[in-house]
PDB file of all heavy atoms in Angstrom:
ATOM      1  N   MET A   1       0.818  -1.204   0.012  1.00  0.00           N
ATOM      2  CA  MET A   1      -0.013  -0.009   0.017  1.00  0.00           C
ATOM      3  C   MET A   1       0.862   1.262   0.016  1.00  0.00           C
ATOM      4  O   MET A   1       0.513   2.286  -0.621  1.00  0.00           O
ATOM      5  CB  MET A   1      -0.944  -0.027   1.208  1.00  0.00           C
ATOM      6  CG  MET A   1      -2.009  -1.074   1.141  1.00  0.00           C
ATOM      7  SD  MET A   1      -3.042  -0.986  -0.344  1.00  0.00           S
ATOM      8  CE  MET A   1      -3.767   0.640  -0.190  1.00  0.00           C
ATOM      9  N   MET A   2       2.046   1.212   0.619  1.00  0.00           N
ATOM     10  CA  MET A   2       2.970   2.361   0.555  1.00  0.00           C
ATOM     11  C   MET A   2       3.403   2.574  -0.879  1.00  0.00           C
ATOM     12  O   MET A   2       3.448   3.724  -1.362  1.00  0.00           O
ATOM     13  CB  MET A   2       4.179   2.103   1.453  1.00  0.00           C
ATOM     14  CG  MET A   2       3.876   2.056   2.946  1.00  0.00           C
ATOM     15  SD  MET A   2       5.312   1.623   3.928  1.00  0.00           S
ATOM     16  CE  MET A   2       6.106   3.249   4.084  1.00  0.00           C
ATOM     17  N   LEU A   3       3.682   1.490  -1.576  1.00  0.00           N
ATOM     18  CA  LEU A   3       4.041   1.627  -3.004  1.00  0.00           C
ATOM     19  C   LEU A   3       2.879   2.131  -3.806  1.00  0.00           C
ATOM     20  O   LEU A   3       3.060   2.911  -4.796  1.00  0.00           O
ATOM     21  CB  LEU A   3       4.519   0.267  -3.546  1.00  0.00           C
ATOM     22  CG  LEU A   3       5.882  -0.226  -3.034  1.00  0.00           C
ATOM     23  CD1 LEU A   3       6.149  -1.672  -3.500  1.00  0.00           C
ATOM     24  CD2 LEU A   3       7.038   0.667  -3.466  1.00  0.00           C
ATOM     25  N   HIS A   4       1.667   1.696  -3.477  1.00  0.00           N
ATOM     26  CA  HIS A   4       0.469   2.184  -4.188  1.00  0.00           C
ATOM     27  C   HIS A   4       0.366   3.685  -4.094  1.00  0.00           C
ATOM     28  O   HIS A   4       0.161   4.372  -5.113  1.00  0.00           O
ATOM     29  CB  HIS A   4      -0.782   1.507  -3.571  1.00  0.00           C
ATOM     30  CG  HIS A   4      -2.081   2.138  -4.034  1.00  0.00           C
ATOM     31  ND1 HIS A   4      -2.683   1.787  -5.228  1.00  0.00           N
ATOM     32  CD2 HIS A   4      -2.872   3.088  -3.454  1.00  0.00           C
ATOM     33  CE1 HIS A   4      -3.786   2.523  -5.367  1.00  0.00           C
ATOM     34  NE2 HIS A   4      -3.921   3.295  -4.297  1.00  0.00           N
ATOM     35  N   TRP A   5       0.489   4.266  -2.894  1.00  0.00           N
ATOM     36  CA  TRP A   5       0.347   5.689  -2.704  1.00  0.00           C
ATOM     37  C   TRP A   5       1.521   6.427  -3.331  1.00  0.00           C
ATOM     38  O   TRP A   5       1.340   7.559  -3.824  1.00  0.00           O
ATOM     39  CB  TRP A   5       0.159   6.032  -1.243  1.00  0.00           C
ATOM     40  CG  TRP A   5      -1.142   5.541  -0.677  1.00  0.00           C
ATOM     41  CD1 TRP A   5      -1.324   4.650   0.320  1.00  0.00           C
ATOM     42  CD2 TRP A   5      -2.455   5.931  -1.121  1.00  0.00           C
ATOM     43  NE1 TRP A   5      -2.696   4.421   0.519  1.00  0.00           N
ATOM     44  CE2 TRP A   5      -3.422   5.204  -0.340  1.00  0.00           C
ATOM     45  CE3 TRP A   5      -2.956   6.802  -2.091  1.00  0.00           C
ATOM     46  CZ2 TRP A   5      -4.778   5.358  -0.494  1.00  0.00           C
ATOM     47  CZ3 TRP A   5      -4.280   6.938  -2.270  1.00  0.00           C
ATOM     48  CH2 TRP A   5      -5.206   6.218  -1.485  1.00  0.00           C
ATOM     49  N   LEU A   6       2.676   5.823  -3.306  1.00  0.00           N
ATOM     50  CA  LEU A   6       3.849   6.409  -4.026  1.00  0.00           C
ATOM     51  C   LEU A   6       3.536   6.608  -5.510  1.00  0.00           C
ATOM     52  O   LEU A   6       3.741   7.681  -6.050  1.00  0.00           O
ATOM     53  CB  LEU A   6       5.052   5.498  -3.847  1.00  0.00           C
ATOM     54  CG  LEU A   6       6.325   5.979  -4.564  1.00  0.00           C
ATOM     55  CD1 LEU A   6       7.229   6.770  -3.625  1.00  0.00           C
ATOM     56  CD2 LEU A   6       7.151   4.794  -5.139  1.00  0.00           C
ATOM     57  N   GLN A   7       2.959   5.561  -6.091  1.00  0.00           N
ATOM     58  CA  GLN A   7       2.629   5.660  -7.543  1.00  0.00           C
ATOM     59  C   GLN A   7       1.506   6.663  -7.779  1.00  0.00           C
ATOM     60  O   GLN A   7       1.534   7.448  -8.715  1.00  0.00           O
ATOM     61  CB  GLN A   7       2.224   4.290  -8.046  1.00  0.00           C
ATOM     62  CG  GLN A   7       1.969   4.237  -9.548  1.00  0.00           C
ATOM     63  CD  GLN A   7       1.719   2.828 -10.048  1.00  0.00           C
ATOM     64  OE1 GLN A   7       0.899   2.098  -9.508  1.00  0.00           O
ATOM     65  NE2 GLN A   7       2.484   2.441 -11.073  1.00  0.00           N
ATOM     66  N   GLN A   8       0.468   6.652  -6.910  1.00  0.00           N
ATOM     67  CA  GLN A   8      -0.646   7.560  -7.083  1.00  0.00           C
ATOM     68  C   GLN A   8      -0.206   9.040  -6.969  1.00  0.00           C
ATOM     69  O   GLN A   8      -0.904   9.915  -7.484  1.00  0.00           O
ATOM     70  CB  GLN A   8      -1.716   7.271  -6.018  1.00  0.00           C
ATOM     71  CG  GLN A   8      -2.410   5.898  -6.196  1.00  0.00           C
ATOM     72  CD  GLN A   8      -3.051   5.754  -7.574  1.00  0.00           C
ATOM     73  OE1 GLN A   8      -3.837   6.590  -8.015  1.00  0.00           O
ATOM     74  NE2 GLN A   8      -2.730   4.657  -8.256  1.00  0.00           N
ATOM     75  N   SER A   9       0.876   9.269  -6.293  1.00  0.00           N
ATOM     76  CA  SER A   9       1.336  10.636  -6.090  1.00  0.00           C
ATOM     77  C   SER A   9       2.413  11.038  -7.116  1.00  0.00           C
ATOM     78  O   SER A   9       3.112  12.043  -6.963  1.00  0.00           O
ATOM     79  CB  SER A   9       1.886  10.835  -4.693  1.00  0.00           C
ATOM     80  OG  SER A   9       2.967   9.916  -4.398  1.00  0.00           O
ATOM     81  N   GLY A  10       2.567  10.216  -8.175  1.00  0.00           N
ATOM     82  CA  GLY A  10       3.449  10.602  -9.275  1.00  0.00           C
ATOM     83  C   GLY A  10       4.897  10.162  -9.207  1.00  0.00           C
ATOM     84  O   GLY A  10       5.720  10.731  -9.885  1.00  0.00           O
ATOM     85  N   ASN A  11       5.147   9.127  -8.420  1.00  0.00           N
ATOM     86  CA  ASN A  11       6.502   8.565  -8.310  1.00  0.00           C
ATOM     87  C   ASN A  11       6.537   7.114  -8.775  1.00  0.00           C
ATOM     88  O   ASN A  11       5.468   6.514  -8.898  1.00  0.00           O
ATOM     89  CB  ASN A  11       7.028   8.699  -6.884  1.00  0.00           C
ATOM     90  CG  ASN A  11       7.239  10.176  -6.472  1.00  0.00           C
ATOM     91  OD1 ASN A  11       8.249  10.759  -6.745  1.00  0.00           O
ATOM     92  ND2 ASN A  11       6.210  10.733  -5.815  1.00  0.00           N
ATOM     93  N   LYS A  12       7.695   6.593  -8.986  1.00  0.00           N
ATOM     94  CA  LYS A  12       7.824   5.255  -9.575  1.00  0.00           C
ATOM     95  C   LYS A  12       8.108   4.164  -8.542  1.00  0.00           C
ATOM     96  O   LYS A  12       9.099   4.268  -7.802  1.00  0.00           O
ATOM     97  CB  LYS A  12       8.953   5.253 -10.641  1.00  0.00           C
ATOM     98  CG  LYS A  12       9.029   3.991 -11.478  1.00  0.00           C
ATOM     99  CD  LYS A  12      10.152   4.108 -12.492  1.00  0.00           C
ATOM    100  CE  LYS A  12      10.151   2.935 -13.460  1.00  0.00           C
ATOM    101  NZ  LYS A  12       9.002   2.984 -14.402  1.00  0.00           N
ATOM    102  N   PRO A  13       7.270   3.130  -8.460  1.00  0.00           N
ATOM    103  CA  PRO A  13       7.515   2.040  -7.510  1.00  0.00           C
ATOM    104  C   PRO A  13       8.279   0.832  -8.130  1.00  0.00           C
ATOM    105  O   PRO A  13       8.096   0.543  -9.346  1.00  0.00           O
ATOM    106  CB  PRO A  13       6.137   1.628  -7.108  1.00  0.00           C
ATOM    107  CG  PRO A  13       5.253   1.931  -8.287  1.00  0.00           C
ATOM    108  CD  PRO A  13       5.950   3.023  -9.051  1.00  0.00           C
ATOM    109  N   ILE A  14       9.075   0.147  -7.333  1.00  0.00           N
ATOM    110  CA  ILE A  14       9.787  -1.032  -7.748  1.00  0.00           C
ATOM    111  C   ILE A  14       9.458  -2.132  -6.773  1.00  0.00           C
ATOM    112  O   ILE A  14       9.560  -1.958  -5.559  1.00  0.00           O
ATOM    113  CB  ILE A  14      11.316  -0.827  -7.765  1.00  0.00           C
ATOM    114  CG1 ILE A  14      11.682   0.306  -8.733  1.00  0.00           C
ATOM    115  CG2 ILE A  14      12.017  -2.104  -8.154  1.00  0.00           C
ATOM    116  CD1 ILE A  14      13.153   0.771  -8.570  1.00  0.00           C
ATOM    117  N   THR A  15       9.011  -3.282  -7.247  1.00  0.00           N
ATOM    118  CA  THR A  15       8.876  -4.438  -6.418  1.00  0.00           C
ATOM    119  C   THR A  15      10.071  -5.325  -6.679  1.00  0.00           C
ATOM    120  O   THR A  15      10.297  -5.769  -7.812  1.00  0.00           O
ATOM    121  CB  THR A  15       7.568  -5.202  -6.693  1.00  0.00           C
ATOM    122  OG1 THR A  15       7.392  -5.386  -8.116  1.00  0.00           O
ATOM    123  CG2 THR A  15       6.398  -4.433  -6.156  1.00  0.00           C
ATOM    124  N   LEU A  16      10.882  -5.579  -5.620  1.00  0.00           N
ATOM    125  CA  LEU A  16      12.092  -6.343  -5.773  1.00  0.00           C
ATOM    126  C   LEU A  16      11.882  -7.741  -5.242  1.00  0.00           C
ATOM    127  O   LEU A  16      11.667  -7.955  -4.044  1.00  0.00           O
ATOM    128  CB  LEU A  16      13.263  -5.671  -5.056  1.00  0.00           C
ATOM    129  CG  LEU A  16      14.596  -6.417  -5.172  1.00  0.00           C
ATOM    130  CD1 LEU A  16      15.115  -6.356  -6.595  1.00  0.00           C
ATOM    131  CD2 LEU A  16      15.612  -5.804  -4.202  1.00  0.00           C
ATOM    132  N   MET A  17      11.918  -8.708  -6.128  1.00  0.00           N
ATOM    133  CA  MET A  17      11.811 -10.097  -5.714  1.00  0.00           C
ATOM    134  C   MET A  17      13.141 -10.556  -5.173  1.00  0.00           C
ATOM    135  O   MET A  17      14.213 -10.318  -5.732  1.00  0.00           O
ATOM    136  CB  MET A  17      11.397 -10.986  -6.895  1.00  0.00           C
ATOM    137  CG  MET A  17      10.124 -10.561  -7.598  1.00  0.00           C
ATOM    138  SD  MET A  17       8.728 -10.572  -6.499  1.00  0.00           S
ATOM    139  CE  MET A  17       8.464 -12.343  -6.378  1.00  0.00           C
ATOM    140  N   GLY A  18      13.124 -11.225  -3.985  1.00  0.00           N
ATOM    141  CA  GLY A  18      14.355 -11.622  -3.330  1.00  0.00           C
ATOM    142  C   GLY A  18      14.827 -13.019  -3.759  1.00  0.00           C
ATOM    143  O   GLY A  18      15.091 -13.850  -2.912  1.00  0.00           O
ATOM    144  N   GLY A  19      14.989 -13.184  -5.055  1.00  0.00           N
ATOM    145  CA  GLY A  19      15.489 -14.492  -5.520  1.00  0.00           C
ATOM    146  C   GLY A  19      16.877 -14.808  -4.983  1.00  0.00           C
ATOM    147  O   GLY A  19      17.200 -15.972  -4.770  1.00  0.00           O
ATOM    148  N   GLY A  20      17.697 -13.778  -4.756  1.00  0.00           N
ATOM    149  CA  GLY A  20      19.031 -13.962  -4.208  1.00  0.00           C
ATOM    150  C   GLY A  20      19.047 -13.980  -2.718  1.00  0.00           C
ATOM    151  O   GLY A  20      19.603 -14.853  -2.085  1.00  0.00           O
ATOM    152  N   THR A  21      18.405 -12.963  -2.064  1.00  0.00           N
ATOM    153  CA  THR A  21      18.424 -12.881  -0.587  1.00  0.00           C
ATOM    154  C   THR A  21      17.707 -14.037   0.058  1.00  0.00           C
ATOM    155  O   THR A  21      18.028 -14.442   1.210  1.00  0.00           O
ATOM    156  CB  THR A  21      17.838 -11.558  -0.133  1.00  0.00           C
ATOM    157  OG1 THR A  21      16.653 -11.237  -0.881  1.00  0.00           O
ATOM    158  CG2 THR A  21      18.850 -10.420  -0.254  1.00  0.00           C
ATOM    159  N   THR A  22      16.720 -14.627  -0.606  1.00  0.00           N
ATOM    160  CA  THR A  22      16.032 -15.772  -0.024  1.00  0.00           C
ATOM    161  C   THR A  22      16.995 -16.976   0.113  1.00  0.00           C
ATOM    162  O   THR A  22      16.802 -17.834   0.970  1.00  0.00           O
ATOM    163  CB  THR A  22      14.791 -16.195  -0.889  1.00  0.00           C
ATOM    164  OG1 THR A  22      14.003 -15.034  -1.110  1.00  0.00           O
ATOM    165  CG2 THR A  22      13.949 -17.218  -0.147  1.00  0.00           C
ATOM    166  N   MET A  23      17.997 -17.016  -0.772  1.00  0.00           N
ATOM    167  CA  MET A  23      18.998 -18.085  -0.654  1.00  0.00           C
ATOM    168  C   MET A  23      19.837 -17.921   0.596  1.00  0.00           C
ATOM    169  O   MET A  23      20.422 -18.893   1.125  1.00  0.00           O
ATOM    170  CB  MET A  23      19.914 -18.078  -1.880  1.00  0.00           C
ATOM    171  CG  MET A  23      19.218 -18.380  -3.178  1.00  0.00           C
ATOM    172  SD  MET A  23      20.417 -18.365  -4.546  1.00  0.00           S
ATOM    173  CE  MET A  23      19.361 -18.519  -5.985  1.00  0.00           C
ATOM    174  N   VAL A  24      19.863 -16.690   1.181  1.00  0.00           N
ATOM    175  CA  VAL A  24      20.667 -16.414   2.362  1.00  0.00           C
ATOM    176  C   VAL A  24      19.832 -16.565   3.606  1.00  0.00           C
ATOM    177  O   VAL A  24      20.178 -17.240   4.562  1.00  0.00           O
ATOM    178  CB  VAL A  24      21.264 -14.980   2.262  1.00  0.00           C
ATOM    179  CG1 VAL A  24      22.046 -14.637   3.506  1.00  0.00           C
ATOM    180  CG2 VAL A  24      22.204 -14.889   1.042  1.00  0.00           C
ATOM    181  N   GLY A  25      18.652 -15.859   3.620  1.00  0.00           N
ATOM    182  CA  GLY A  25      17.759 -15.954   4.761  1.00  0.00           C
ATOM    183  C   GLY A  25      17.909 -14.796   5.751  1.00  0.00           C
ATOM    184  O   GLY A  25      18.968 -14.596   6.308  1.00  0.00           O
ATOM    185  N   ASP A  26      16.831 -14.036   5.878  1.00  0.00           N
ATOM    186  CA  ASP A  26      16.843 -12.853   6.783  1.00  0.00           C
ATOM    187  C   ASP A  26      16.704 -13.276   8.227  1.00  0.00           C
ATOM    188  O   ASP A  26      15.736 -13.903   8.611  1.00  0.00           O
ATOM    189  CB  ASP A  26      15.657 -11.909   6.404  1.00  0.00           C
ATOM    190  CG  ASP A  26      15.652 -10.648   7.190  1.00  0.00           C
ATOM    191  OD1 ASP A  26      16.567 -10.422   7.994  1.00  0.00           O
ATOM    192  OD2 ASP A  26      14.701  -9.860   7.012  1.00  0.00           O
ATOM    193  N   PRO A  27      17.682 -12.956   9.087  1.00  0.00           N
ATOM    194  CA  PRO A  27      17.606 -13.360  10.515  1.00  0.00           C
ATOM    195  C   PRO A  27      16.697 -12.429  11.358  1.00  0.00           C
ATOM    196  O   PRO A  27      16.505 -12.699  12.533  1.00  0.00           O
ATOM    197  CB  PRO A  27      19.049 -13.288  10.975  1.00  0.00           C
ATOM    198  CG  PRO A  27      19.654 -12.178  10.131  1.00  0.00           C
ATOM    199  CD  PRO A  27      18.980 -12.276   8.789  1.00  0.00           C
ATOM    200  N   SER A  28      16.218 -11.326  10.779  1.00  0.00           N
ATOM    201  CA  SER A  28      15.468 -10.366  11.565  1.00  0.00           C
ATOM    202  C   SER A  28      14.231 -11.018  12.219  1.00  0.00           C
ATOM    203  O   SER A  28      13.427 -11.644  11.560  1.00  0.00           O
ATOM    204  CB  SER A  28      14.992  -9.180  10.669  1.00  0.00           C
ATOM    205  OG  SER A  28      16.047  -8.526  10.045  1.00  0.00           O
TER     206      SER A  28
END
């Protein structure tokens, strides 16, 4: 939804698929 409102306000959104980072695994 943050990306949605970014686009609605005239800016460009990027959805980044974690094909690489998923191989590592986020410990957060």
